[in-house]
N, C-alpha and C. Protein backbone atom coordinates (compact mmCIF):
# COMPACT_ATOMS: atom_id res chain seq x y z
N MET A 1 6.57 14.53 13.26
CA MET A 1 7.35 13.76 12.26
C MET A 1 6.39 13.72 11.10
N SER A 2 7.49 13.45 9.86
CA SER A 2 6.80 13.59 8.62
C SER A 2 6.69 12.22 8.36
N GLU A 3 5.27 12.55 7.37
CA GLU A 3 5.00 11.19 6.68
C GLU A 3 5.86 10.69 5.68
N GLN A 4 5.73 9.34 5.47
CA GLN A 4 6.70 8.88 4.53
C GLN A 4 6.09 8.35 3.54
N LEU A 5 6.40 9.13 2.26
CA LEU A 5 5.67 8.46 1.27
C LEU A 5 6.63 7.58 0.20
N LEU A 6 5.66 6.30 -0.42
CA LEU A 6 6.14 5.38 -1.06
C LEU A 6 5.68 5.30 -2.39
N ASN A 7 7.01 4.63 -3.55
CA ASN A 7 6.78 4.79 -4.63
C ASN A 7 5.89 3.31 -4.96
N PRO A 8 5.37 3.04 -6.18
CA PRO A 8 4.93 1.41 -6.36
C PRO A 8 6.10 0.18 -5.91
N MET A 9 7.13 0.50 -5.98
CA MET A 9 7.99 -0.68 -5.93
C MET A 9 8.62 -0.56 -4.24
N ASP A 10 8.45 0.51 -3.42
CA ASP A 10 8.37 0.34 -2.37
C ASP A 10 7.35 -0.33 -1.73
N VAL A 11 6.51 -0.05 -2.11
CA VAL A 11 4.87 -0.64 -1.47
C VAL A 11 5.26 -2.38 -2.01
N ALA A 12 5.41 -2.29 -3.33
CA ALA A 12 5.58 -3.87 -3.92
C ALA A 12 6.53 -4.62 -2.91
N GLY A 13 7.47 -4.01 -2.48
CA GLY A 13 8.93 -4.59 -2.02
C GLY A 13 8.13 -5.19 -0.54
N LYS A 14 7.57 -4.07 0.07
CA LYS A 14 7.15 -4.34 1.62
C LYS A 14 6.10 -5.84 1.65
N LEU A 15 5.31 -5.68 0.60
CA LEU A 15 4.45 -6.65 0.59
C LEU A 15 5.22 -8.32 -0.13
N LYS A 16 6.68 -7.73 -0.30
CA LYS A 16 6.77 -9.09 -0.71
C LYS A 16 6.54 -9.70 -2.42
N VAL A 17 5.46 -8.69 -3.05
CA VAL A 17 5.09 -8.86 -4.40
C VAL A 17 5.93 -8.69 -5.46
N GLY A 18 5.65 -9.25 -6.78
CA GLY A 18 6.46 -8.00 -7.93
C GLY A 18 5.62 -7.04 -8.20
N LYS A 19 6.14 -6.33 -9.11
CA LYS A 19 5.27 -5.31 -9.49
C LYS A 19 4.04 -5.13 -10.61
N THR A 20 3.92 -6.16 -11.25
CA THR A 20 2.77 -6.60 -11.94
C THR A 20 1.59 -7.07 -10.92
N THR A 21 2.12 -8.03 -9.93
CA THR A 21 1.14 -8.11 -8.84
C THR A 21 0.75 -7.20 -8.27
N PHE A 22 1.44 -6.11 -7.81
CA PHE A 22 1.07 -4.89 -7.17
C PHE A 22 -0.13 -4.01 -7.78
N TYR A 23 0.29 -4.07 -8.98
CA TYR A 23 -0.69 -3.31 -10.05
C TYR A 23 -2.09 -4.12 -10.13
N ALA A 24 -2.06 -5.11 -9.97
CA ALA A 24 -3.17 -6.05 -10.33
C ALA A 24 -4.27 -5.77 -8.45
N ILE A 25 -3.14 -5.93 -7.73
CA ILE A 25 -3.87 -5.95 -6.51
C ILE A 25 -4.46 -4.52 -5.77
N ARG A 26 -3.75 -3.67 -6.39
CA ARG A 26 -3.71 -2.17 -5.99
C ARG A 26 -5.08 -1.54 -5.88
N PRO A 27 -6.25 -1.90 -6.84
CA PRO A 27 -7.79 -1.22 -6.24
C PRO A 27 -7.98 -1.99 -5.54
N LYS A 28 -7.96 -3.07 -4.88
CA LYS A 28 -8.00 -3.83 -3.94
C LYS A 28 -7.52 -3.15 -2.55
N LEU A 29 -6.27 -2.98 -2.11
CA LEU A 29 -5.73 -2.23 -1.05
C LEU A 29 -6.09 -0.89 -1.05
N ILE A 30 -6.37 -0.16 -2.05
CA ILE A 30 -7.03 1.33 -1.96
C ILE A 30 -8.50 1.25 -1.36
N ALA A 31 -9.11 0.43 -2.06
CA ALA A 31 -10.21 0.03 -1.43
C ALA A 31 -10.47 -0.23 0.24
N ARG A 32 -9.42 -1.07 0.62
CA ARG A 32 -9.47 -1.57 2.08
C ARG A 32 -8.80 -0.42 3.10
N GLY A 33 -7.93 0.50 2.41
CA GLY A 33 -7.63 1.86 3.00
C GLY A 33 -6.08 2.13 2.51
N LEU A 34 -5.55 1.95 1.74
CA LEU A 34 -4.35 2.33 1.19
C LEU A 34 -4.50 3.62 0.85
N LYS A 35 -3.56 4.63 1.39
CA LYS A 35 -4.08 5.86 0.97
C LYS A 35 -3.03 6.36 0.12
N THR A 36 -3.50 7.34 -0.87
CA THR A 36 -2.80 8.10 -1.92
C THR A 36 -2.41 9.16 -2.13
N LEU A 37 -1.44 9.33 -2.95
CA LEU A 37 -1.36 11.10 -2.91
C LEU A 37 -0.35 11.21 -4.13
N ARG A 38 -1.05 11.82 -5.38
CA ARG A 38 -0.66 12.18 -6.66
C ARG A 38 0.18 13.63 -6.49
N ILE A 39 1.45 13.65 -6.93
CA ILE A 39 2.48 14.59 -7.08
C ILE A 39 2.73 14.47 -8.64
N GLY A 40 2.25 15.43 -9.48
CA GLY A 40 2.39 15.84 -10.54
C GLY A 40 1.66 14.08 -11.12
N LYS A 41 2.35 13.76 -12.23
CA LYS A 41 2.04 12.20 -12.67
C LYS A 41 2.62 11.01 -11.90
N GLN A 42 3.08 11.50 -10.81
CA GLN A 42 3.46 10.21 -10.01
C GLN A 42 2.30 10.20 -9.20
N VAL A 43 2.09 8.49 -8.48
CA VAL A 43 1.52 8.28 -7.64
C VAL A 43 2.33 7.73 -6.37
N LYS A 44 2.12 8.20 -5.26
CA LYS A 44 3.06 8.05 -4.21
C LYS A 44 2.00 7.26 -2.94
N TYR A 45 2.56 6.63 -2.09
CA TYR A 45 1.61 5.55 -1.04
C TYR A 45 2.04 6.14 0.30
N LEU A 46 1.00 6.58 1.22
CA LEU A 46 1.35 6.93 2.19
C LEU A 46 2.06 5.71 3.38
N GLU A 47 2.86 5.59 3.71
CA GLU A 47 3.46 4.37 4.56
C GLU A 47 2.74 4.04 5.87
N SER A 48 2.16 4.82 6.54
CA SER A 48 1.49 4.36 7.49
C SER A 48 0.02 4.06 7.38
N SER A 49 -0.52 4.19 6.06
CA SER A 49 -1.61 3.60 5.91
C SER A 49 -1.41 2.08 5.41
N LEU A 50 -0.37 1.81 4.66
CA LEU A 50 -0.21 0.79 4.33
C LEU A 50 0.60 -0.47 5.78
N ASP A 51 0.94 0.36 6.79
CA ASP A 51 1.37 -0.36 7.84
C ASP A 51 -0.14 -0.64 8.71
N ARG A 52 -1.04 0.57 8.74
CA ARG A 52 -2.70 0.32 9.54
C ARG A 52 -2.84 -1.19 8.15
N LEU A 53 -2.91 -0.60 7.38
CA LEU A 53 -3.93 -2.18 6.83
C LEU A 53 -3.43 -3.39 6.80
N ILE A 54 -1.77 -3.45 7.10
CA ILE A 54 -1.23 -4.97 7.43
C ILE A 54 -1.65 -5.20 8.68
N ALA A 55 -1.53 -4.71 9.66
CA ALA A 55 -1.85 -4.83 11.20
C ALA A 55 -3.16 -5.20 11.50
N LYS A 56 -4.31 -4.64 10.37
CA LYS A 56 -5.38 -4.93 10.68
C LYS A 56 -5.52 -6.18 10.40
N CYS A 57 -4.99 -6.36 9.09
CA CYS A 57 -5.40 -7.67 8.47
C CYS A 57 -4.85 -8.54 9.78
N ALA A 58 -3.46 -8.67 9.93
CA ALA A 58 -2.91 -9.78 10.99
C ALA A 58 -3.72 -9.90 12.05
N ALA A 59 -4.26 -8.84 12.81
CA ALA A 59 -5.13 -9.04 13.85
C ALA A 59 -6.23 -9.52 13.84
N ASN A 60 -6.74 -9.50 12.60
CA ASN A 60 -8.33 -10.02 12.23
C ASN A 60 -8.18 -11.32 11.62
N GLU A 61 -6.55 -12.09 11.50
CA GLU A 61 -6.08 -12.96 10.58
C GLU A 61 -7.32 -12.90 9.19
N GLN A 62 -6.92 -12.00 8.42
CA GLN A 62 -7.56 -11.72 7.12
C GLN A 62 -6.56 -11.84 6.21
N PRO A 63 -6.73 -12.53 5.10
CA PRO A 63 -5.60 -11.96 4.19
C PRO A 63 -5.59 -10.66 3.87
N LEU A 64 -4.83 -10.56 3.12
CA LEU A 64 -4.49 -8.53 2.77
C LEU A 64 -5.27 -8.53 1.47
N VAL A 65 -5.50 -9.49 0.72
CA VAL A 65 -6.57 -8.80 -0.61
C VAL A 65 -7.57 -10.41 -0.97
């Protein structure tokens, strides 16, 4: 199974936040486990790491950021 790579707008859409909000909370998401991959000048995010982060926060009843 191949890993799904998300662009910043995809991640913002999954989190139901705007692009500006995503960029504001991005450092905290990365610190909590969101994995990034740089392809040239583009930064992509591993969907599985985002899903794990969301599930972990939901299981512990914690806010995402």
